[in-house]
Amino acid sequence: MSYLKWSYEDFIATITIERPPANALSSGLLKELSAVLDEIEPNKEIKVVVIHGEGRFFSAGADIKEFTTIDSIEGFENLGKFGQDLFDRMEKFPKPIIASIHGAALGGGLELAMACHIRLVSENAKMGLPELQLGLVPGFAGTQRLPKYVGVAKAAEMLFTSEPISGLEAVQLGLANHAYPESDLLDETFKLAKKIAKKSTGSLKSAIQLLNYAKTDEFYQGVRKEAELFGQLFMSEDGKEGIQAFIEKREPHFKGE
């Protein structure tokens, strides 16, 4: 593994994202995460999964520089669909997945967190979907999951302004379950994981299956449309300008093209 490390003890698997400086979600990292889930799923000694980030962040977003290597709408659509499918698998994963979020969960990082069953956050964590700042939209089903947690109006504000919310605000809005001082976050995460791990494997799996019935056909229609528009916007002139401006650390100049 180049970007992740994982281990398990006392029925709890811990996956650590290790891709400094910001734990950006490259396609390679997402493939490693998929491979780790392949190992965890049949392992009867694992009942709960914890995901957290090494260093300053949970994950500050997707790997923008990697985007410059893709040169077709289909390429971007496929990238979006891979992330969407992986995160859908996580939501349906037969073992509870807890995201332990400190520092920042932005863009793809927040989309990863929203695919987990439970989110615990540090009080001062930053959480948001800033893709419109780049002339883009989220691509890993963020537009479909965020309104489910915070409501359509707040999701619209977060998307349109690109401004993040704090961990404390995330709890108030229903995006996160609990907020703690950063120094206590991992300890509190494992306390919850141990409590869950006492439950039977069958009942946990069944509860996850039942919770997923809340996902409607409209959710999946929206996810497919998101992947389509994700690809189109990346190949637009404004999309190219937004990515270049991000790389050059300057304000983008959008022309509506």
C-alpha atoms as a PDB file:
ATOM      1  CA  MET A   1       0.000   0.000   0.000  1.00  0.00           C
ATOM      2  CA  SER A   2       1.364   3.417  -0.976  1.00  0.00           C
ATOM      3  CA  TYR A   3      -1.351   5.669   0.457  1.00  0.00           C
ATOM      4  CA  LEU A   4      -3.059   3.659   3.201  1.00  0.00           C
ATOM      5  CA  LYS A   5      -2.139   1.513   6.158  1.00  0.00           C
ATOM      6  CA  TRP A   6      -4.546  -0.703   8.032  1.00  0.00           C
ATOM      7  CA  SER A   7      -4.681  -3.181  10.860  1.00  0.00           C
ATOM      8  CA  TYR A   8      -7.253  -4.702  13.191  1.00  0.00           C
ATOM      9  CA  GLU A   9      -7.574  -5.498  16.866  1.00  0.00           C
ATOM     10  CA  ASP A  10     -10.504  -6.363  19.150  1.00  0.00           C
ATOM     11  CA  PHE A  11     -12.857  -6.710  16.133  1.00  0.00           C
ATOM     12  CA  ILE A  12     -12.063  -3.160  14.941  1.00  0.00           C
ATOM     13  CA  ALA A  13     -10.196  -2.427  11.697  1.00  0.00           C
ATOM     14  CA  THR A  14      -8.399   0.925  11.473  1.00  0.00           C
ATOM     15  CA  ILE A  15      -7.696   2.399   8.038  1.00  0.00           C
ATOM     16  CA  THR A  16      -5.293   5.362   8.034  1.00  0.00           C
ATOM     17  CA  ILE A  17      -4.985   7.658   5.018  1.00  0.00           C
ATOM     18  CA  GLU A  18      -1.295   8.510   4.558  1.00  0.00           C
ATOM     19  CA  ARG A  19      -0.818  10.800   1.576  1.00  0.00           C
ATOM     20  CA  PRO A  20       0.818  14.008   2.785  1.00  0.00           C
ATOM     21  CA  PRO A  21       0.452  16.893   2.860  1.00  0.00           C
ATOM     22  CA  ALA A  22      -3.356  16.907   2.474  1.00  0.00           C
ATOM     23  CA  ASN A  23      -4.342  13.227   2.058  1.00  0.00           C
ATOM     24  CA  ALA A  24      -5.763  14.068  -1.375  1.00  0.00           C
ATOM     25  CA  LEU A  25      -7.934  11.331  -2.879  1.00  0.00           C
ATOM     26  CA  SER A  26      -6.061  10.240  -5.981  1.00  0.00           C
ATOM     27  CA  SER A  27      -7.421   7.414  -8.121  1.00  0.00           C
ATOM     28  CA  GLY A  28      -4.598   5.258  -6.745  1.00  0.00           C
ATOM     29  CA  LEU A  29      -5.705   5.928  -3.176  1.00  0.00           C
ATOM     30  CA  LEU A  30      -9.315   5.083  -4.013  1.00  0.00           C
ATOM     31  CA  LYS A  31      -8.209   1.810  -5.602  1.00  0.00           C
ATOM     32  CA  GLU A  32      -6.218   0.948  -2.480  1.00  0.00           C
ATOM     33  CA  LEU A  33      -9.262   1.682  -0.328  1.00  0.00           C
ATOM     34  CA  SER A  34     -11.334  -0.652  -2.491  1.00  0.00           C
ATOM     35  CA  ALA A  35      -8.678  -3.366  -2.103  1.00  0.00           C
ATOM     36  CA  VAL A  36      -8.626  -2.943   1.691  1.00  0.00           C
ATOM     37  CA  LEU A  37     -12.412  -3.310   1.822  1.00  0.00           C
ATOM     38  CA  ASP A  38     -12.040  -6.512  -0.215  1.00  0.00           C
ATOM     39  CA  GLU A  39      -9.821  -7.894   2.551  1.00  0.00           C
ATOM     40  CA  ILE A  40     -11.958  -6.665   5.435  1.00  0.00           C
ATOM     41  CA  GLU A  41     -15.352  -7.818   4.155  1.00  0.00           C
ATOM     42  CA  PRO A  42     -14.849 -11.622   4.519  1.00  0.00           C
ATOM     43  CA  ASN A  43     -12.753 -11.351   7.692  1.00  0.00           C
ATOM     44  CA  LYS A  44     -14.880 -12.684  10.561  1.00  0.00           C
ATOM     45  CA  GLU A  45     -12.534 -11.135  13.124  1.00  0.00           C
ATOM     46  CA  ILE A  46     -13.551  -7.630  12.006  1.00  0.00           C
ATOM     47  CA  LYS A  47     -16.933  -6.161  12.928  1.00  0.00           C
ATOM     48  CA  VAL A  48     -16.376  -2.391  12.720  1.00  0.00           C
ATOM     49  CA  VAL A  49     -14.179  -0.155  10.515  1.00  0.00           C
ATOM     50  CA  VAL A  50     -12.632   3.208  11.474  1.00  0.00           C
ATOM     51  CA  ILE A  51     -11.223   5.552   8.817  1.00  0.00           C
ATOM     52  CA  HIS A  52      -9.043   8.525   9.742  1.00  0.00           C
ATOM     53  CA  GLY A  53      -6.275  10.640   8.276  1.00  0.00           C
ATOM     54  CA  GLU A  54      -2.629  10.886   9.283  1.00  0.00           C
ATOM     55  CA  GLY A  55      -1.174  14.362   9.793  1.00  0.00           C
ATOM     56  CA  ARG A  56      -3.115  17.623   9.657  1.00  0.00           C
ATOM     57  CA  PHE A  57      -6.198  16.491   7.723  1.00  0.00           C
ATOM     58  CA  PHE A  58      -8.748  13.756   7.279  1.00  0.00           C
ATOM     59  CA  SER A  59      -8.686  14.565   3.556  1.00  0.00           C
ATOM     60  CA  ALA A  60      -8.604  18.022   2.007  1.00  0.00           C
ATOM     61  CA  GLY A  61     -10.118  16.852  -1.289  1.00  0.00           C
ATOM     62  CA  ALA A  62      -9.456  15.157  -4.584  1.00  0.00           C
ATOM     63  CA  ASP A  63      -6.074  15.276  -6.310  1.00  0.00           C
ATOM     64  CA  ILE A  64      -6.526  18.334  -8.551  1.00  0.00           C
ATOM     65  CA  LYS A  65      -3.146  17.910 -10.255  1.00  0.00           C
ATOM     66  CA  GLU A  66      -4.159  14.412 -11.331  1.00  0.00           C
ATOM     67  CA  PHE A  67      -7.118  15.971 -13.152  1.00  0.00           C
ATOM     68  CA  THR A  68      -4.715  17.652 -15.595  1.00  0.00           C
ATOM     69  CA  THR A  69      -3.695  14.214 -16.912  1.00  0.00           C
ATOM     70  CA  ILE A  70      -7.255  13.404 -18.065  1.00  0.00           C
ATOM     71  CA  ASP A  71      -8.198  14.750 -21.485  1.00  0.00           C
ATOM     72  CA  SER A  72     -11.746  13.592 -22.244  1.00  0.00           C
ATOM     73  CA  ILE A  73     -15.277  13.921 -20.902  1.00  0.00           C
ATOM     74  CA  GLU A  74     -15.457  10.122 -20.713  1.00  0.00           C
ATOM     75  CA  GLY A  75     -12.276  10.018 -18.640  1.00  0.00           C
ATOM     76  CA  PHE A  76     -13.718  12.396 -16.067  1.00  0.00           C
ATOM     77  CA  GLU A  77     -17.071  10.596 -16.072  1.00  0.00           C
ATOM     78  CA  ASN A  78     -15.288   7.299 -15.424  1.00  0.00           C
ATOM     79  CA  LEU A  79     -13.289   8.857 -12.574  1.00  0.00           C
ATOM     80  CA  GLY A  80     -16.511  10.152 -11.031  1.00  0.00           C
ATOM     81  CA  LYS A  81     -18.296   6.842 -11.488  1.00  0.00           C
ATOM     82  CA  PHE A  82     -15.457   4.889  -9.855  1.00  0.00           C
ATOM     83  CA  GLY A  83     -15.636   7.099  -6.775  1.00  0.00           C
ATOM     84  CA  GLN A  84     -19.434   6.975  -6.750  1.00  0.00           C
ATOM     85  CA  ASP A  85     -19.477   3.184  -6.941  1.00  0.00           C
ATOM     86  CA  LEU A  86     -16.858   2.836  -4.204  1.00  0.00           C
ATOM     87  CA  PHE A  87     -18.722   5.174  -1.858  1.00  0.00           C
ATOM     88  CA  ASP A  88     -22.034   3.443  -2.593  1.00  0.00           C
ATOM     89  CA  ARG A  89     -20.342   0.182  -1.670  1.00  0.00           C
ATOM     90  CA  MET A  90     -19.193   1.755   1.598  1.00  0.00           C
ATOM     91  CA  GLU A  91     -22.742   2.845   2.461  1.00  0.00           C
ATOM     92  CA  LYS A  92     -23.892  -0.733   1.834  1.00  0.00           C
ATOM     93  CA  PHE A  93     -20.835  -2.346   3.434  1.00  0.00           C
ATOM     94  CA  PRO A  94     -21.992  -5.094   5.849  1.00  0.00           C
ATOM     95  CA  LYS A  95     -19.800  -3.758   8.659  1.00  0.00           C
ATOM     96  CA  PRO A  96     -20.318  -0.286  10.160  1.00  0.00           C
ATOM     97  CA  ILE A  97     -17.800   2.304   8.972  1.00  0.00           C
ATOM     98  CA  ILE A  98     -16.965   5.278  11.202  1.00  0.00           C
ATOM     99  CA  ALA A  99     -15.165   8.359   9.839  1.00  0.00           C
ATOM    100  CA  SER A 100     -12.989  10.098  12.443  1.00  0.00           C
ATOM    101  CA  ILE A 101     -12.511  13.592  10.977  1.00  0.00           C
ATOM    102  CA  HIS A 102      -9.985  16.194  12.076  1.00  0.00           C
ATOM    103  CA  GLY A 103      -8.463  19.168  10.304  1.00  0.00           C
ATOM    104  CA  ALA A 104     -10.505  19.192   7.134  1.00  0.00           C
ATOM    105  CA  ALA A 105     -12.835  17.031   5.076  1.00  0.00           C
ATOM    106  CA  LEU A 106     -13.288  18.998   1.866  1.00  0.00           C
ATOM    107  CA  GLY A 107     -14.516  18.047  -1.587  1.00  0.00           C
ATOM    108  CA  GLY A 108     -13.800  14.382  -2.146  1.00  0.00           C
ATOM    109  CA  GLY A 109     -12.750  14.115   1.493  1.00  0.00           C
ATOM    110  CA  LEU A 110     -16.227  15.106   2.653  1.00  0.00           C
ATOM    111  CA  GLU A 111     -17.784  12.820   0.029  1.00  0.00           C
ATOM    112  CA  LEU A 112     -15.738   9.952   1.488  1.00  0.00           C
ATOM    113  CA  ALA A 113     -16.872  10.883   4.997  1.00  0.00           C
ATOM    114  CA  MET A 114     -20.532  11.087   3.934  1.00  0.00           C
ATOM    115  CA  ALA A 115     -20.298   7.537   2.560  1.00  0.00           C
ATOM    116  CA  CYS A 116     -19.453   6.265   6.059  1.00  0.00           C
ATOM    117  CA  HIS A 117     -22.274   5.239   8.355  1.00  0.00           C
ATOM    118  CA  ILE A 118     -21.187   7.508  11.230  1.00  0.00           C
ATOM    119  CA  ARG A 119     -19.084  10.686  11.330  1.00  0.00           C
ATOM    120  CA  LEU A 120     -17.253  11.896  14.441  1.00  0.00           C
ATOM    121  CA  VAL A 121     -15.457  15.229  14.097  1.00  0.00           C
ATOM    122  CA  SER A 122     -13.103  17.563  15.890  1.00  0.00           C
ATOM    123  CA  GLU A 123     -14.850  20.734  16.983  1.00  0.00           C
ATOM    124  CA  ASN A 124     -12.776  22.956  14.701  1.00  0.00           C
ATOM    125  CA  ALA A 125     -12.702  20.670  11.655  1.00  0.00           C
ATOM    126  CA  LYS A 126     -13.607  22.286   8.326  1.00  0.00           C
ATOM    127  CA  MET A 127     -16.163  20.451   6.204  1.00  0.00           C
ATOM    128  CA  GLY A 128     -17.371  21.543   2.790  1.00  0.00           C
ATOM    129  CA  LEU A 129     -17.731  21.003  -0.951  1.00  0.00           C
ATOM    130  CA  PRO A 130     -15.727  23.820  -2.607  1.00  0.00           C
ATOM    131  CA  GLU A 131     -15.825  22.466  -6.181  1.00  0.00           C
ATOM    132  CA  LEU A 132     -17.802  25.420  -7.580  1.00  0.00           C
ATOM    133  CA  GLN A 133     -14.801  27.570  -6.704  1.00  0.00           C
ATOM    134  CA  LEU A 134     -13.023  25.677  -9.501  1.00  0.00           C
ATOM    135  CA  GLY A 135     -15.899  25.983 -11.965  1.00  0.00           C
ATOM    136  CA  LEU A 136     -16.825  22.349 -11.288  1.00  0.00           C
ATOM    137  CA  VAL A 137     -19.332  20.295  -9.284  1.00  0.00           C
ATOM    138  CA  PRO A 138     -18.702  17.442  -6.844  1.00  0.00           C
ATOM    139  CA  GLY A 139     -18.225  14.127  -8.606  1.00  0.00           C
ATOM    140  CA  PHE A 140     -18.490  11.414  -5.941  1.00  0.00           C
ATOM    141  CA  ALA A 141     -22.232  11.815  -5.181  1.00  0.00           C
ATOM    142  CA  GLY A 142     -21.716  14.805  -2.890  1.00  0.00           C
ATOM    143  CA  THR A 143     -24.600  16.696  -4.483  1.00  0.00           C
ATOM    144  CA  GLN A 144     -26.946  13.835  -3.593  1.00  0.00           C
ATOM    145  CA  ARG A 145     -25.734  13.029  -0.072  1.00  0.00           C
ATOM    146  CA  LEU A 146     -25.204  16.509   1.365  1.00  0.00           C
ATOM    147  CA  PRO A 147     -28.889  17.609   1.103  1.00  0.00           C
ATOM    148  CA  LYS A 148     -29.893  14.374   2.825  1.00  0.00           C
ATOM    149  CA  TYR A 149     -27.916  15.418   5.904  1.00  0.00           C
ATOM    150  CA  VAL A 150     -28.183  19.223   6.052  1.00  0.00           C
ATOM    151  CA  GLY A 151     -31.299  19.964   3.964  1.00  0.00           C
ATOM    152  CA  VAL A 152     -31.529  21.400   0.463  1.00  0.00           C
ATOM    153  CA  ALA A 153     -31.238  25.074   1.456  1.00  0.00           C
ATOM    154  CA  LYS A 154     -28.061  24.645   3.526  1.00  0.00           C
ATOM    155  CA  ALA A 155     -26.572  22.309   0.909  1.00  0.00           C
ATOM    156  CA  ALA A 156     -27.250  24.981  -1.727  1.00  0.00           C
ATOM    157  CA  GLU A 157     -25.499  27.608   0.406  1.00  0.00           C
ATOM    158  CA  MET A 158     -22.481  25.380   1.002  1.00  0.00           C
ATOM    159  CA  LEU A 159     -22.207  24.523  -2.699  1.00  0.00           C
ATOM    160  CA  PHE A 160     -22.838  28.025  -4.072  1.00  0.00           C
ATOM    161  CA  THR A 161     -20.455  29.825  -1.676  1.00  0.00           C
ATOM    162  CA  SER A 162     -17.814  27.050  -1.349  1.00  0.00           C
ATOM    163  CA  GLU A 163     -17.539  28.035   2.326  1.00  0.00           C
ATOM    164  CA  PRO A 164     -16.965  25.192   4.819  1.00  0.00           C
ATOM    165  CA  ILE A 165     -18.711  24.664   8.127  1.00  0.00           C
ATOM    166  CA  SER A 166     -17.059  23.729  11.414  1.00  0.00           C
ATOM    167  CA  GLY A 167     -17.290  20.388  13.145  1.00  0.00           C
ATOM    168  CA  LEU A 168     -19.616  21.908  15.737  1.00  0.00           C
ATOM    169  CA  GLU A 169     -21.892  23.265  12.990  1.00  0.00           C
ATOM    170  CA  ALA A 170     -21.820  19.874  11.274  1.00  0.00           C
ATOM    171  CA  VAL A 171     -23.249  18.247  14.403  1.00  0.00           C
ATOM    172  CA  GLN A 172     -25.938  20.919  14.730  1.00  0.00           C
ATOM    173  CA  LEU A 173     -26.977  20.366  11.105  1.00  0.00           C
ATOM    174  CA  GLY A 174     -26.953  16.561  11.294  1.00  0.00           C
ATOM    175  CA  LEU A 175     -23.918  16.062   9.044  1.00  0.00           C
ATOM    176  CA  ALA A 176     -21.852  14.671  11.936  1.00  0.00           C
ATOM    177  CA  ASN A 177     -22.869  12.637  14.981  1.00  0.00           C
ATOM    178  CA  HIS A 178     -20.613  14.125  17.674  1.00  0.00           C
ATOM    179  CA  ALA A 179     -17.848  16.729  17.958  1.00  0.00           C
ATOM    180  CA  TYR A 180     -14.893  16.551  20.353  1.00  0.00           C
ATOM    181  CA  PRO A 181     -11.678  18.449  21.048  1.00  0.00           C
ATOM    182  CA  GLU A 182      -9.158  17.201  18.490  1.00  0.00           C
ATOM    183  CA  SER A 183      -6.994  15.636  21.203  1.00  0.00           C
ATOM    184  CA  ASP A 184      -9.914  13.434  22.281  1.00  0.00           C
ATOM    185  CA  LEU A 185     -11.302  12.538  18.859  1.00  0.00           C
ATOM    186  CA  LEU A 186      -9.620   9.199  18.187  1.00  0.00           C
ATOM    187  CA  ASP A 187     -10.162   7.951  21.738  1.00  0.00           C
ATOM    188  CA  GLU A 188     -13.855   8.795  21.498  1.00  0.00           C
ATOM    189  CA  THR A 189     -14.023   7.159  18.070  1.00  0.00           C
ATOM    190  CA  PHE A 190     -12.690   3.880  19.409  1.00  0.00           C
ATOM    191  CA  LYS A 191     -15.021   4.040  22.421  1.00  0.00           C
ATOM    192  CA  LEU A 192     -17.951   4.134  20.006  1.00  0.00           C
ATOM    193  CA  ALA A 193     -16.431   1.457  17.781  1.00  0.00           C
ATOM    194  CA  LYS A 194     -15.995  -0.876  20.775  1.00  0.00           C
ATOM    195  CA  LYS A 195     -19.615  -0.325  21.783  1.00  0.00           C
ATOM    196  CA  ILE A 196     -20.780  -1.248  18.276  1.00  0.00           C
ATOM    197  CA  ALA A 197     -18.433  -4.237  18.089  1.00  0.00           C
ATOM    198  CA  LYS A 198     -20.352  -5.874  20.950  1.00  0.00           C
ATOM    199  CA  LYS A 199     -23.359  -6.323  18.676  1.00  0.00           C
ATOM    200  CA  SER A 200     -23.908  -9.454  16.598  1.00  0.00           C
ATOM    201  CA  THR A 201     -22.517  -9.521  13.061  1.00  0.00           C
ATOM    202  CA  GLY A 202     -25.881 -10.560  11.665  1.00  0.00           C
ATOM    203  CA  SER A 203     -27.842  -7.767  13.311  1.00  0.00           C
ATOM    204  CA  LEU A 204     -25.335  -5.128  12.215  1.00  0.00           C
ATOM    205  CA  LYS A 205     -25.414  -6.389   8.636  1.00  0.00           C
ATOM    206  CA  SER A 206     -29.222  -6.447   8.643  1.00  0.00           C
ATOM    207  CA  ALA A 207     -29.485  -2.936  10.082  1.00  0.00           C
ATOM    208  CA  ILE A 208     -27.199  -1.607   7.337  1.00  0.00           C
ATOM    209  CA  GLN A 209     -29.296  -3.343   4.681  1.00  0.00           C
ATOM    210  CA  LEU A 210     -32.458  -1.778   6.080  1.00  0.00           C
ATOM    211  CA  LEU A 211     -30.953   1.711   6.350  1.00  0.00           C
ATOM    212  CA  ASN A 212     -30.077   1.582   2.655  1.00  0.00           C
ATOM    213  CA  TYR A 213     -33.739   1.268   1.684  1.00  0.00           C
ATOM    214  CA  ALA A 214     -33.881   5.001   2.372  1.00  0.00           C
ATOM    215  CA  LYS A 215     -31.925   5.540  -0.871  1.00  0.00           C
ATOM    216  CA  THR A 216     -34.478   6.173  -3.590  1.00  0.00           C
ATOM    217  CA  ASP A 217     -34.392   5.665  -7.362  1.00  0.00           C
ATOM    218  CA  GLU A 218     -34.133   9.453  -7.615  1.00  0.00           C
ATOM    219  CA  PHE A 219     -30.892   9.311  -5.608  1.00  0.00           C
ATOM    220  CA  TYR A 220     -29.316   7.019  -8.185  1.00  0.00           C
ATOM    221  CA  GLN A 221     -30.665   9.079 -11.079  1.00  0.00           C
ATOM    222  CA  GLY A 222     -29.040  12.124  -9.501  1.00  0.00           C
ATOM    223  CA  VAL A 223     -25.755  10.270  -9.055  1.00  0.00           C
ATOM    224  CA  ARG A 224     -25.693   9.297 -12.745  1.00  0.00           C
ATOM    225  CA  LYS A 225     -26.462  12.871 -13.803  1.00  0.00           C
ATOM    226  CA  GLU A 226     -23.749  14.156 -11.476  1.00  0.00           C
ATOM    227  CA  ALA A 227     -21.131  11.956 -13.184  1.00  0.00           C
ATOM    228  CA  GLU A 228     -22.269  13.230 -16.595  1.00  0.00           C
ATOM    229  CA  LEU A 229     -22.103  16.920 -15.617  1.00  0.00           C
ATOM    230  CA  PHE A 230     -18.860  16.323 -13.705  1.00  0.00           C
ATOM    231  CA  GLY A 231     -17.249  15.234 -16.986  1.00  0.00           C
ATOM    232  CA  GLN A 232     -18.746  18.053 -19.052  1.00  0.00           C
ATOM    233  CA  LEU A 233     -17.645  20.787 -16.650  1.00  0.00           C
ATOM    234  CA  PHE A 234     -14.080  19.507 -16.472  1.00  0.00           C
ATOM    235  CA  MET A 235     -13.756  19.849 -20.244  1.00  0.00           C
ATOM    236  CA  SER A 236     -15.378  23.307 -20.336  1.00  0.00           C
ATOM    237  CA  GLU A 237     -13.236  26.433 -20.613  1.00  0.00           C
ATOM    238  CA  ASP A 238     -14.323  27.558 -17.155  1.00  0.00           C
ATOM    239  CA  GLY A 239     -13.439  24.158 -15.744  1.00  0.00           C
ATOM    240  CA  LYS A 240      -9.970  24.280 -17.258  1.00  0.00           C
ATOM    241  CA  GLU A 241      -9.528  27.835 -15.950  1.00  0.00           C
ATOM    242  CA  GLY A 242     -10.643  26.828 -12.457  1.00  0.00           C
ATOM    243  CA  ILE A 243      -8.182  23.947 -12.283  1.00  0.00           C
ATOM    244  CA  GLN A 244      -5.325  26.081 -13.623  1.00  0.00           C
ATOM    245  CA  ALA A 245      -6.124  28.875 -11.170  1.00  0.00           C
ATOM    246  CA  PHE A 246      -6.075  26.382  -8.300  1.00  0.00           C
ATOM    247  CA  ILE A 247      -2.679  25.050  -9.355  1.00  0.00           C
ATOM    248  CA  GLU A 248      -1.323  28.606  -9.756  1.00  0.00           C
ATOM    249  CA  LYS A 249      -2.912  29.680  -6.430  1.00  0.00           C
ATOM    250  CA  ARG A 250      -4.834  32.597  -7.913  1.00  0.00           C
ATOM    251  CA  GLU A 251      -8.433  33.698  -8.380  1.00  0.00           C
ATOM    252  CA  PRO A 252     -10.129  32.096 -11.410  1.00  0.00           C
ATOM    253  CA  HIS A 253     -11.563  34.285 -14.157  1.00  0.00           C
ATOM    254  CA  PHE A 254     -14.719  32.578 -15.390  1.00  0.00           C
ATOM    255  CA  LYS A 255     -16.234  33.572 -18.729  1.00  0.00           C
ATOM    256  CA  GLY A 256     -19.343  31.397 -18.716  1.00  0.00           C
ATOM    257  CA  GLU A 257     -17.956  28.957 -21.285  1.00  0.00           C
END
